[in-house]
N, C-alpha and C. Protein backbone atom coordinates (compact mmCIF):
# COMPACT_ATOMS: atom_id res chain seq x y z
N MET A 1 9.30 173.07 274.84
CA MET A 1 9.78 172.93 273.49
C MET A 1 9.50 174.23 272.74
N THR A 2 10.51 174.76 272.14
CA THR A 2 10.35 175.99 271.38
C THR A 2 10.32 175.67 269.89
N ILE A 3 9.49 176.43 269.21
CA ILE A 3 9.39 176.26 267.76
C ILE A 3 10.27 177.32 267.12
N LYS A 4 11.13 176.86 266.27
CA LYS A 4 12.05 177.76 265.60
C LYS A 4 11.39 178.25 264.31
N ARG A 5 11.18 179.55 264.23
CA ARG A 5 10.59 180.15 263.04
C ARG A 5 11.65 180.94 262.30
N SER A 6 11.60 180.81 261.01
CA SER A 6 12.55 181.58 260.23
C SER A 6 11.82 182.80 259.65
N LEU A 7 12.49 183.89 259.68
CA LEU A 7 11.93 185.12 259.13
C LEU A 7 12.03 185.07 257.61
N PRO A 8 11.08 185.72 256.94
CA PRO A 8 11.19 185.74 255.48
C PRO A 8 12.45 186.50 255.06
N THR A 9 13.07 186.02 254.03
CA THR A 9 14.29 186.66 253.53
C THR A 9 13.91 187.79 252.58
N TYR A 10 14.89 188.55 252.22
CA TYR A 10 14.69 189.62 251.24
C TYR A 10 14.21 189.02 249.92
N ALA A 11 14.79 187.89 249.52
CA ALA A 11 14.39 187.22 248.28
C ALA A 11 12.93 186.80 248.34
N ASP A 12 12.47 186.32 249.50
CA ASP A 12 11.06 185.93 249.65
C ASP A 12 10.16 187.14 249.46
N ALA A 13 10.54 188.27 250.03
CA ALA A 13 9.74 189.49 249.91
C ALA A 13 9.69 189.97 248.46
N VAL A 14 10.82 189.93 247.78
CA VAL A 14 10.88 190.34 246.38
C VAL A 14 10.00 189.43 245.53
N GLN A 15 10.09 188.13 245.77
CA GLN A 15 9.30 187.18 244.99
C GLN A 15 7.80 187.35 245.25
N ALA A 16 7.43 187.63 246.49
CA ALA A 16 6.02 187.86 246.81
C ALA A 16 5.51 189.12 246.11
N GLU A 17 6.32 190.18 246.13
CA GLU A 17 5.93 191.42 245.45
C GLU A 17 5.86 191.20 243.93
N ALA A 18 6.79 190.42 243.39
CA ALA A 18 6.79 190.13 241.95
C ALA A 18 5.54 189.33 241.56
N LEU A 19 5.09 188.44 242.43
CA LEU A 19 3.88 187.67 242.16
C LEU A 19 2.65 188.58 242.11
N VAL A 20 2.57 189.53 243.02
CA VAL A 20 1.45 190.48 243.02
C VAL A 20 1.50 191.32 241.73
N PHE A 21 2.68 191.81 241.40
CA PHE A 21 2.87 192.61 240.19
C PHE A 21 2.46 191.82 238.94
N ALA A 22 2.92 190.58 238.82
CA ALA A 22 2.59 189.75 237.66
C ALA A 22 1.09 189.47 237.61
N SER A 23 0.48 189.20 238.75
CA SER A 23 -0.96 188.93 238.80
C SER A 23 -1.76 190.14 238.33
N GLU A 24 -1.35 191.33 238.76
CA GLU A 24 -2.04 192.55 238.34
C GLU A 24 -1.87 192.79 236.85
N MET A 25 -0.69 192.55 236.34
CA MET A 25 -0.43 192.75 234.91
C MET A 25 -1.26 191.78 234.08
N ILE A 26 -1.30 190.53 234.48
CA ILE A 26 -2.09 189.51 233.78
C ILE A 26 -3.57 189.88 233.83
N ALA A 27 -4.05 190.37 234.97
CA ALA A 27 -5.45 190.76 235.09
C ALA A 27 -5.80 191.89 234.12
N ARG A 28 -4.88 192.84 233.94
CA ARG A 28 -5.12 193.91 232.97
C ARG A 28 -5.24 193.34 231.56
N TYR A 29 -4.38 192.40 231.22
CA TYR A 29 -4.46 191.78 229.90
C TYR A 29 -5.74 190.94 229.76
N ALA A 30 -6.10 190.25 230.81
CA ALA A 30 -7.25 189.33 230.76
C ALA A 30 -8.58 190.07 230.69
N HIS A 31 -8.64 191.29 231.19
CA HIS A 31 -9.92 192.00 231.25
C HIS A 31 -9.93 193.30 230.47
N GLY A 32 -8.77 193.73 230.00
CA GLY A 32 -8.68 195.00 229.30
C GLY A 32 -9.01 194.88 227.82
N THR A 33 -8.91 195.99 227.14
CA THR A 33 -9.17 196.01 225.71
C THR A 33 -7.86 195.99 224.94
N ASN A 34 -7.98 195.89 223.63
CA ASN A 34 -6.80 195.94 222.77
C ASN A 34 -7.18 196.66 221.48
N PRO A 35 -6.22 197.11 220.72
CA PRO A 35 -6.52 197.90 219.52
C PRO A 35 -7.11 197.11 218.35
N TRP A 36 -7.10 195.79 218.40
CA TRP A 36 -7.52 194.98 217.26
C TRP A 36 -8.94 194.44 217.37
N SER A 37 -9.47 194.35 218.58
CA SER A 37 -10.83 193.82 218.74
C SER A 37 -11.38 194.24 220.10
N GLU A 38 -12.65 193.95 220.29
CA GLU A 38 -13.29 194.27 221.57
C GLU A 38 -13.02 193.18 222.62
N HIS A 39 -12.38 192.11 222.24
CA HIS A 39 -12.12 191.00 223.14
C HIS A 39 -10.86 191.25 223.98
N PRO A 40 -10.82 190.72 225.20
CA PRO A 40 -9.60 190.86 226.03
C PRO A 40 -8.39 190.23 225.34
N ALA A 41 -7.23 190.80 225.59
CA ALA A 41 -6.01 190.39 224.90
C ALA A 41 -5.65 188.92 225.12
N MET A 42 -6.04 188.33 226.22
CA MET A 42 -5.67 186.94 226.49
C MET A 42 -6.61 185.94 225.80
N SER A 43 -7.63 186.41 225.09
CA SER A 43 -8.61 185.51 224.48
C SER A 43 -8.19 185.07 223.09
N PRO A 44 -8.65 183.88 222.67
CA PRO A 44 -8.36 183.43 221.30
C PRO A 44 -8.94 184.37 220.24
N ASP A 45 -10.11 184.98 220.51
CA ASP A 45 -10.71 185.90 219.55
C ASP A 45 -9.81 187.11 219.30
N ALA A 46 -9.18 187.62 220.35
CA ALA A 46 -8.25 188.74 220.19
C ALA A 46 -7.03 188.31 219.38
N SER A 47 -6.55 187.11 219.61
CA SER A 47 -5.40 186.60 218.84
C SER A 47 -5.75 186.47 217.37
N HIS A 48 -6.96 185.99 217.08
CA HIS A 48 -7.38 185.89 215.68
C HIS A 48 -7.48 187.27 215.04
N ALA A 49 -7.95 188.27 215.79
CA ALA A 49 -8.04 189.63 215.26
C ALA A 49 -6.64 190.17 214.93
N VAL A 50 -5.67 189.92 215.80
CA VAL A 50 -4.29 190.34 215.53
C VAL A 50 -3.75 189.62 214.30
N PHE A 51 -4.02 188.34 214.22
CA PHE A 51 -3.54 187.56 213.08
C PHE A 51 -4.14 188.09 211.78
N ARG A 52 -5.44 188.42 211.79
CA ARG A 52 -6.07 188.98 210.59
C ARG A 52 -5.46 190.34 210.23
N HIS A 53 -5.14 191.14 211.23
CA HIS A 53 -4.50 192.43 211.00
C HIS A 53 -3.13 192.23 210.34
N ILE A 54 -2.37 191.27 210.83
CA ILE A 54 -1.06 190.96 210.24
C ILE A 54 -1.23 190.49 208.80
N LEU A 55 -2.24 189.63 208.57
CA LEU A 55 -2.49 189.17 207.21
C LEU A 55 -2.84 190.33 206.29
N GLN A 56 -3.65 191.24 206.78
CA GLN A 56 -4.05 192.38 205.97
C GLN A 56 -2.84 193.21 205.55
N LEU A 57 -1.92 193.41 206.49
CA LEU A 57 -0.69 194.13 206.15
C LEU A 57 0.16 193.33 205.16
N ALA A 58 0.20 192.02 205.37
CA ALA A 58 1.03 191.16 204.52
C ALA A 58 0.50 191.05 203.09
N LEU A 59 -0.79 191.29 202.89
CA LEU A 59 -1.36 191.20 201.54
C LEU A 59 -0.79 192.23 200.58
N GLN A 60 -0.13 193.24 201.10
CA GLN A 60 0.42 194.31 200.26
C GLN A 60 1.66 193.86 199.47
N TYR A 61 2.27 192.75 199.86
CA TYR A 61 3.54 192.33 199.26
C TYR A 61 3.38 190.95 198.60
N THR A 62 3.89 190.82 197.41
CA THR A 62 3.68 189.61 196.62
C THR A 62 4.13 188.33 197.32
N PRO A 63 5.34 188.24 197.88
CA PRO A 63 5.73 186.96 198.49
C PRO A 63 4.82 186.55 199.66
N THR A 64 4.46 187.50 200.49
CA THR A 64 3.59 187.14 201.63
C THR A 64 2.16 186.90 201.15
N ARG A 65 1.72 187.63 200.14
CA ARG A 65 0.38 187.40 199.59
C ARG A 65 0.30 185.98 199.02
N MET A 66 1.37 185.52 198.37
CA MET A 66 1.40 184.16 197.83
C MET A 66 1.30 183.13 198.96
N ASP A 67 1.95 183.41 200.10
CA ASP A 67 1.84 182.52 201.26
C ASP A 67 0.42 182.50 201.80
N ILE A 68 -0.23 183.65 201.83
CA ILE A 68 -1.61 183.73 202.33
C ILE A 68 -2.54 182.99 201.39
N ILE A 69 -2.31 183.10 200.09
CA ILE A 69 -3.11 182.36 199.12
C ILE A 69 -2.94 180.86 199.33
N ALA A 70 -1.72 180.42 199.58
CA ALA A 70 -1.49 178.98 199.86
C ALA A 70 -2.22 178.55 201.13
N ARG A 71 -2.21 179.40 202.15
CA ARG A 71 -2.94 179.10 203.38
C ARG A 71 -4.44 178.98 203.10
N ALA A 72 -4.96 179.91 202.30
CA ALA A 72 -6.39 179.89 201.98
C ALA A 72 -6.76 178.62 201.23
N LYS A 73 -5.93 178.22 200.28
CA LYS A 73 -6.20 177.00 199.53
C LYS A 73 -6.16 175.77 200.43
N ALA A 74 -5.36 175.84 201.51
CA ALA A 74 -5.27 174.73 202.46
C ALA A 74 -6.42 174.74 203.47
N GLY A 75 -7.24 175.81 203.46
CA GLY A 75 -8.41 175.84 204.33
C GLY A 75 -8.31 176.77 205.52
N ASP A 76 -7.30 177.62 205.59
CA ASP A 76 -7.17 178.56 206.71
C ASP A 76 -8.27 179.60 206.60
N LEU A 77 -9.19 179.59 207.57
CA LEU A 77 -10.37 180.45 207.51
C LEU A 77 -10.02 181.94 207.57
N ASP A 78 -9.00 182.31 208.33
CA ASP A 78 -8.60 183.71 208.39
C ASP A 78 -8.05 184.18 207.05
N ALA A 79 -7.22 183.36 206.42
CA ALA A 79 -6.67 183.70 205.11
C ALA A 79 -7.78 183.79 204.06
N ILE A 80 -8.74 182.87 204.11
CA ILE A 80 -9.87 182.90 203.18
C ILE A 80 -10.65 184.20 203.34
N GLU A 81 -10.92 184.58 204.57
CA GLU A 81 -11.68 185.80 204.83
C GLU A 81 -10.94 187.04 204.35
N MET A 82 -9.64 187.10 204.59
CA MET A 82 -8.86 188.26 204.14
C MET A 82 -8.85 188.35 202.62
N LEU A 83 -8.67 187.24 201.94
CA LEU A 83 -8.65 187.25 200.47
C LEU A 83 -10.03 187.55 199.90
N ARG A 84 -11.07 187.05 200.55
CA ARG A 84 -12.43 187.34 200.11
C ARG A 84 -12.69 188.85 200.17
N ALA A 85 -12.27 189.48 201.27
CA ALA A 85 -12.46 190.92 201.42
C ALA A 85 -11.63 191.69 200.38
N LEU A 86 -10.40 191.25 200.13
CA LEU A 86 -9.54 191.91 199.15
C LEU A 86 -10.13 191.78 197.74
N LEU A 87 -10.59 190.59 197.38
CA LEU A 87 -11.20 190.39 196.06
C LEU A 87 -12.44 191.26 195.90
N LEU A 88 -13.27 191.30 196.91
CA LEU A 88 -14.48 192.12 196.86
C LEU A 88 -14.14 193.59 196.66
N GLU A 89 -13.13 194.07 197.39
CA GLU A 89 -12.70 195.47 197.28
C GLU A 89 -12.14 195.76 195.88
N CYS A 90 -11.31 194.88 195.37
CA CYS A 90 -10.73 195.08 194.03
C CYS A 90 -11.81 195.08 192.95
N LYS A 91 -12.76 194.17 193.05
CA LYS A 91 -13.83 194.09 192.05
C LYS A 91 -14.77 195.28 192.16
N ALA A 92 -15.07 195.70 193.37
CA ALA A 92 -15.98 196.83 193.55
C ALA A 92 -15.39 198.12 193.00
N LYS A 93 -14.08 198.28 193.13
CA LYS A 93 -13.41 199.50 192.65
C LYS A 93 -12.86 199.32 191.24
N ARG A 94 -13.08 198.14 190.65
CA ARG A 94 -12.58 197.82 189.31
C ARG A 94 -11.08 198.07 189.19
N LEU A 95 -10.36 197.60 190.19
CA LEU A 95 -8.91 197.75 190.21
C LEU A 95 -8.25 196.62 189.43
N ASP A 96 -7.10 196.91 188.87
CA ASP A 96 -6.30 195.85 188.25
C ASP A 96 -5.74 194.99 189.38
N MET A 97 -5.99 193.69 189.28
CA MET A 97 -5.51 192.78 190.33
C MET A 97 -4.20 192.16 189.90
N PRO A 98 -3.32 191.89 190.88
CA PRO A 98 -2.08 191.17 190.56
C PRO A 98 -2.41 189.75 190.09
N SER A 99 -1.49 189.19 189.32
CA SER A 99 -1.74 187.88 188.71
C SER A 99 -1.98 186.77 189.74
N ASP A 100 -1.31 186.82 190.89
CA ASP A 100 -1.53 185.77 191.90
C ASP A 100 -2.95 185.85 192.47
N LEU A 101 -3.49 187.04 192.59
CA LEU A 101 -4.86 187.21 193.09
C LEU A 101 -5.88 186.78 192.03
N ILE A 102 -5.58 187.07 190.76
CA ILE A 102 -6.45 186.62 189.67
C ILE A 102 -6.49 185.09 189.64
N GLU A 103 -5.31 184.47 189.78
CA GLU A 103 -5.24 183.00 189.79
C GLU A 103 -6.04 182.43 190.96
N TYR A 104 -5.95 183.05 192.14
CA TYR A 104 -6.71 182.57 193.29
C TYR A 104 -8.21 182.72 193.03
N ASP A 105 -8.62 183.85 192.46
CA ASP A 105 -10.03 184.07 192.15
C ASP A 105 -10.52 182.99 191.19
N MET A 106 -9.72 182.66 190.19
CA MET A 106 -10.09 181.61 189.24
C MET A 106 -10.16 180.25 189.94
N HIS A 107 -9.22 180.00 190.83
CA HIS A 107 -9.22 178.74 191.60
C HIS A 107 -10.50 178.61 192.41
N VAL A 108 -10.89 179.68 193.10
CA VAL A 108 -12.10 179.65 193.92
C VAL A 108 -13.33 179.49 193.05
N THR A 109 -13.36 180.15 191.91
CA THR A 109 -14.50 180.04 191.00
C THR A 109 -14.63 178.60 190.50
N ARG A 110 -13.51 177.97 190.22
CA ARG A 110 -13.53 176.60 189.70
C ARG A 110 -13.75 175.56 190.79
N GLN A 111 -12.97 175.65 191.88
CA GLN A 111 -12.97 174.63 192.92
C GLN A 111 -13.96 174.90 194.04
N GLY A 112 -14.29 176.15 194.25
CA GLY A 112 -15.08 176.52 195.42
C GLY A 112 -14.16 176.77 196.60
N GLN A 113 -14.67 177.42 197.58
CA GLN A 113 -13.90 177.78 198.77
C GLN A 113 -13.84 176.59 199.74
N PRO A 114 -12.67 176.22 200.23
CA PRO A 114 -12.63 175.17 201.25
C PRO A 114 -13.31 175.68 202.52
N HIS A 115 -14.08 174.83 203.17
CA HIS A 115 -14.84 175.25 204.35
C HIS A 115 -14.31 174.64 205.64
N HIS A 116 -13.10 174.22 205.61
CA HIS A 116 -12.53 173.59 206.81
C HIS A 116 -11.10 174.06 207.01
N SER A 117 -10.65 173.89 208.20
CA SER A 117 -9.24 174.10 208.48
C SER A 117 -8.74 172.86 209.19
N ARG A 118 -7.44 172.76 209.31
CA ARG A 118 -6.87 171.57 209.94
C ARG A 118 -7.29 171.50 211.41
N PRO A 119 -7.60 170.30 211.89
CA PRO A 119 -7.98 170.18 213.31
C PRO A 119 -6.77 170.36 214.21
N GLY A 120 -7.04 170.63 215.47
CA GLY A 120 -5.97 170.75 216.46
C GLY A 120 -5.79 172.17 216.94
N ARG A 121 -4.93 172.30 217.91
CA ARG A 121 -4.65 173.60 218.51
C ARG A 121 -3.93 174.49 217.51
N LYS A 122 -4.35 175.71 217.41
CA LYS A 122 -3.77 176.66 216.47
C LYS A 122 -2.90 177.66 217.21
N LYS A 123 -1.67 177.83 216.75
CA LYS A 123 -0.77 178.81 217.35
C LYS A 123 -1.36 180.20 217.28
N LYS A 124 -2.04 180.49 216.16
CA LYS A 124 -2.59 181.83 216.01
C LYS A 124 -3.70 182.13 217.02
N SER A 125 -4.30 181.10 217.60
CA SER A 125 -5.33 181.31 218.62
C SER A 125 -4.72 181.80 219.93
N TYR A 126 -3.43 181.61 220.09
CA TYR A 126 -2.77 181.98 221.34
C TYR A 126 -1.65 182.99 221.14
N LEU A 127 -1.56 183.57 219.96
CA LEU A 127 -0.50 184.51 219.64
C LEU A 127 -0.47 185.69 220.60
N LEU A 128 -1.57 186.37 220.75
CA LEU A 128 -1.61 187.56 221.60
C LEU A 128 -1.47 187.17 223.08
N ARG A 129 -2.08 186.07 223.47
CA ARG A 129 -1.94 185.59 224.85
C ARG A 129 -0.47 185.32 225.16
N ASP A 130 0.21 184.63 224.26
CA ASP A 130 1.62 184.32 224.49
C ASP A 130 2.48 185.58 224.55
N LEU A 131 2.15 186.56 223.71
CA LEU A 131 2.89 187.83 223.78
C LEU A 131 2.64 188.55 225.10
N CYS A 132 1.40 188.50 225.60
CA CYS A 132 1.10 189.11 226.91
C CYS A 132 1.87 188.41 228.02
N ILE A 133 1.91 187.08 227.97
CA ILE A 133 2.67 186.32 228.97
C ILE A 133 4.14 186.69 228.87
N ASN A 134 4.64 186.78 227.66
CA ASN A 134 6.05 187.12 227.47
C ASN A 134 6.38 188.51 227.99
N MET A 135 5.50 189.47 227.73
CA MET A 135 5.75 190.83 228.22
C MET A 135 5.70 190.87 229.75
N THR A 136 4.85 190.03 230.35
CA THR A 136 4.79 189.97 231.81
C THR A 136 6.08 189.41 232.37
N VAL A 137 6.59 188.34 231.76
CA VAL A 137 7.88 187.79 232.21
C VAL A 137 8.97 188.86 232.07
N ALA A 138 8.99 189.55 230.93
CA ALA A 138 10.01 190.59 230.71
C ALA A 138 9.89 191.70 231.75
N ALA A 139 8.67 192.08 232.09
CA ALA A 139 8.47 193.14 233.09
C ALA A 139 8.96 192.69 234.46
N VAL A 140 8.70 191.44 234.82
CA VAL A 140 9.18 190.90 236.10
C VAL A 140 10.71 190.85 236.11
N VAL A 141 11.30 190.42 235.00
CA VAL A 141 12.76 190.40 234.89
C VAL A 141 13.32 191.81 235.08
N ASP A 142 12.75 192.76 234.36
CA ASP A 142 13.25 194.14 234.41
C ASP A 142 13.06 194.79 235.78
N ARG A 143 11.87 194.63 236.33
CA ARG A 143 11.55 195.34 237.57
C ARG A 143 12.21 194.73 238.80
N TYR A 144 12.29 193.39 238.84
CA TYR A 144 12.80 192.72 240.05
C TYR A 144 14.17 192.09 239.85
N MET A 145 14.75 192.26 238.67
CA MET A 145 16.07 191.75 238.34
C MET A 145 16.22 190.27 238.67
N LEU A 146 15.22 189.50 238.24
CA LEU A 146 15.23 188.06 238.42
C LEU A 146 15.67 187.40 237.12
N ASP A 147 16.19 186.19 237.24
CA ASP A 147 16.52 185.43 236.05
C ASP A 147 15.20 185.04 235.37
N PRO A 148 15.17 185.05 234.05
CA PRO A 148 13.92 184.69 233.39
C PRO A 148 13.56 183.21 233.56
N THR A 149 14.55 182.33 233.51
CA THR A 149 14.29 180.89 233.65
C THR A 149 15.24 180.32 234.69
N GLY A 150 15.11 179.05 234.91
CA GLY A 150 15.99 178.38 235.87
C GLY A 150 15.24 178.09 237.16
N ARG A 151 15.67 177.06 237.80
CA ARG A 151 15.02 176.67 239.05
C ARG A 151 16.04 176.63 240.16
N SER A 152 15.62 177.08 241.29
CA SER A 152 16.47 177.08 242.47
C SER A 152 15.57 176.86 243.68
N PRO A 153 16.05 176.15 244.69
CA PRO A 153 15.20 175.95 245.88
C PRO A 153 14.89 177.26 246.60
N ARG A 154 15.77 178.24 246.48
CA ARG A 154 15.57 179.49 247.21
C ARG A 154 14.99 180.62 246.36
N HIS A 155 15.32 180.64 245.08
CA HIS A 155 14.93 181.77 244.24
C HIS A 155 14.08 181.29 243.06
N LYS A 156 12.91 181.90 242.92
CA LYS A 156 12.05 181.59 241.78
C LYS A 156 12.48 182.44 240.59
N SER A 157 12.32 181.88 239.43
CA SER A 157 12.60 182.64 238.22
C SER A 157 11.36 183.46 237.85
N ALA A 158 11.54 184.39 236.93
CA ALA A 158 10.40 185.20 236.48
C ALA A 158 9.35 184.31 235.82
N CYS A 159 9.76 183.31 235.05
CA CYS A 159 8.80 182.39 234.43
C CYS A 159 8.00 181.63 235.48
N ALA A 160 8.66 181.22 236.56
CA ALA A 160 7.97 180.50 237.63
C ALA A 160 6.95 181.40 238.32
N ILE A 161 7.29 182.66 238.52
CA ILE A 161 6.37 183.61 239.16
C ILE A 161 5.17 183.87 238.26
N VAL A 162 5.41 184.09 236.97
CA VAL A 162 4.31 184.33 236.04
C VAL A 162 3.45 183.07 235.90
N ALA A 163 4.06 181.91 235.86
CA ALA A 163 3.29 180.66 235.80
C ALA A 163 2.38 180.53 237.02
N GLU A 164 2.89 180.88 238.19
CA GLU A 164 2.08 180.84 239.40
C GLU A 164 0.94 181.86 239.33
N ALA A 165 1.22 183.05 238.83
CA ALA A 165 0.18 184.08 238.69
C ALA A 165 -0.92 183.64 237.74
N LEU A 166 -0.55 182.91 236.70
CA LEU A 166 -1.51 182.44 235.70
C LEU A 166 -2.19 181.13 236.09
N GLY A 167 -1.57 180.38 237.00
CA GLY A 167 -2.04 179.03 237.28
C GLY A 167 -1.69 178.08 236.15
N MET A 168 -0.58 178.39 235.46
CA MET A 168 -0.11 177.57 234.34
C MET A 168 1.10 176.75 234.77
N ASP A 169 1.43 175.80 233.94
CA ASP A 169 2.62 174.99 234.15
C ASP A 169 3.87 175.82 233.87
N TYR A 170 4.88 175.69 234.69
CA TYR A 170 6.14 176.43 234.52
C TYR A 170 6.73 176.18 233.14
N ASP A 171 6.75 174.92 232.71
CA ASP A 171 7.38 174.59 231.43
C ASP A 171 6.68 175.28 230.26
N ALA A 172 5.36 175.45 230.34
CA ALA A 172 4.63 176.14 229.27
C ALA A 172 5.05 177.60 229.19
N VAL A 173 5.18 178.26 230.33
CA VAL A 173 5.60 179.67 230.35
C VAL A 173 7.06 179.79 229.90
N ARG A 174 7.90 178.86 230.33
CA ARG A 174 9.30 178.87 229.92
C ARG A 174 9.42 178.72 228.40
N LYS A 175 8.62 177.84 227.80
CA LYS A 175 8.66 177.65 226.35
C LYS A 175 8.22 178.92 225.62
N ILE A 176 7.19 179.58 226.15
CA ILE A 176 6.75 180.85 225.56
C ILE A 176 7.88 181.87 225.64
N TRP A 177 8.54 181.96 226.78
CA TRP A 177 9.65 182.90 226.95
C TRP A 177 10.78 182.58 225.98
N GLN A 178 11.10 181.30 225.86
CA GLN A 178 12.19 180.93 224.97
C GLN A 178 11.86 181.23 223.51
N HIS A 179 10.58 181.17 223.17
CA HIS A 179 10.18 181.45 221.79
C HIS A 179 10.20 182.94 221.48
N TYR A 180 9.70 183.77 222.39
CA TYR A 180 9.56 185.20 222.13
C TYR A 180 10.50 186.08 222.96
N GLY A 181 11.06 185.54 224.03
CA GLY A 181 11.73 186.33 225.05
C GLY A 181 12.84 187.25 224.62
N ARG A 182 13.62 186.86 223.68
CA ARG A 182 14.75 187.70 223.29
C ARG A 182 14.31 189.00 222.63
N ASN A 183 13.05 189.09 222.29
CA ASN A 183 12.57 190.26 221.55
C ASN A 183 12.00 191.37 222.43
N VAL A 184 11.76 191.10 223.72
CA VAL A 184 11.12 192.14 224.54
C VAL A 184 11.88 192.51 225.80
N ALA A 185 12.82 191.72 226.24
CA ALA A 185 13.50 192.00 227.51
C ALA A 185 14.21 193.34 227.44
N GLY A 186 14.14 194.08 228.53
CA GLY A 186 14.86 195.33 228.64
C GLY A 186 14.02 196.56 228.44
N TRP A 187 12.85 196.43 227.88
CA TRP A 187 12.02 197.61 227.65
C TRP A 187 10.72 197.57 228.43
N ALA A 188 10.34 196.42 228.94
CA ALA A 188 9.01 196.23 229.49
C ALA A 188 8.72 197.11 230.70
N ASN A 189 9.71 197.49 231.43
CA ASN A 189 9.48 198.24 232.67
C ASN A 189 9.53 199.75 232.44
N SER A 190 9.83 200.20 231.26
CA SER A 190 9.96 201.64 231.04
C SER A 190 8.63 202.33 230.84
């Protein structure tokens, strides 16, 4: 009796190489540094640092500052911290404060600072992680010319390969790609 063995196809070889590539890219994100904090990019602490950086930039404009003030009043700890730092800086330099910031300062003086945030999983805790996953999918798409999503018995999608590299569920990676994917494809491999 002879055993019939099939040789790996070109698609199998490409998918195996793409898995190694994705695993190496994820490892760099998981253990490397980032410009916003000393924490690895895939960590919740790094995501919070990015979120605080975005808030700091957003404080410069009245409509976004008003949104941050609303977040702070609702108990968002990052928004509270950003506004606390801004108020301290304005008071220390005796700067004229915008009326929305004066109103918030009066609110805090009267009501006190909320010390809680809403329970549950926070999107901002995974912002940078999700962007790293998305960039990895985009790089696999660009480098190996694979479809980003979709399932086939013979061909894995880029999301499936990245999910395997991460040990995550395919649907979770696909949802991340669908949320951010249109913004990074085409440049990741350059």
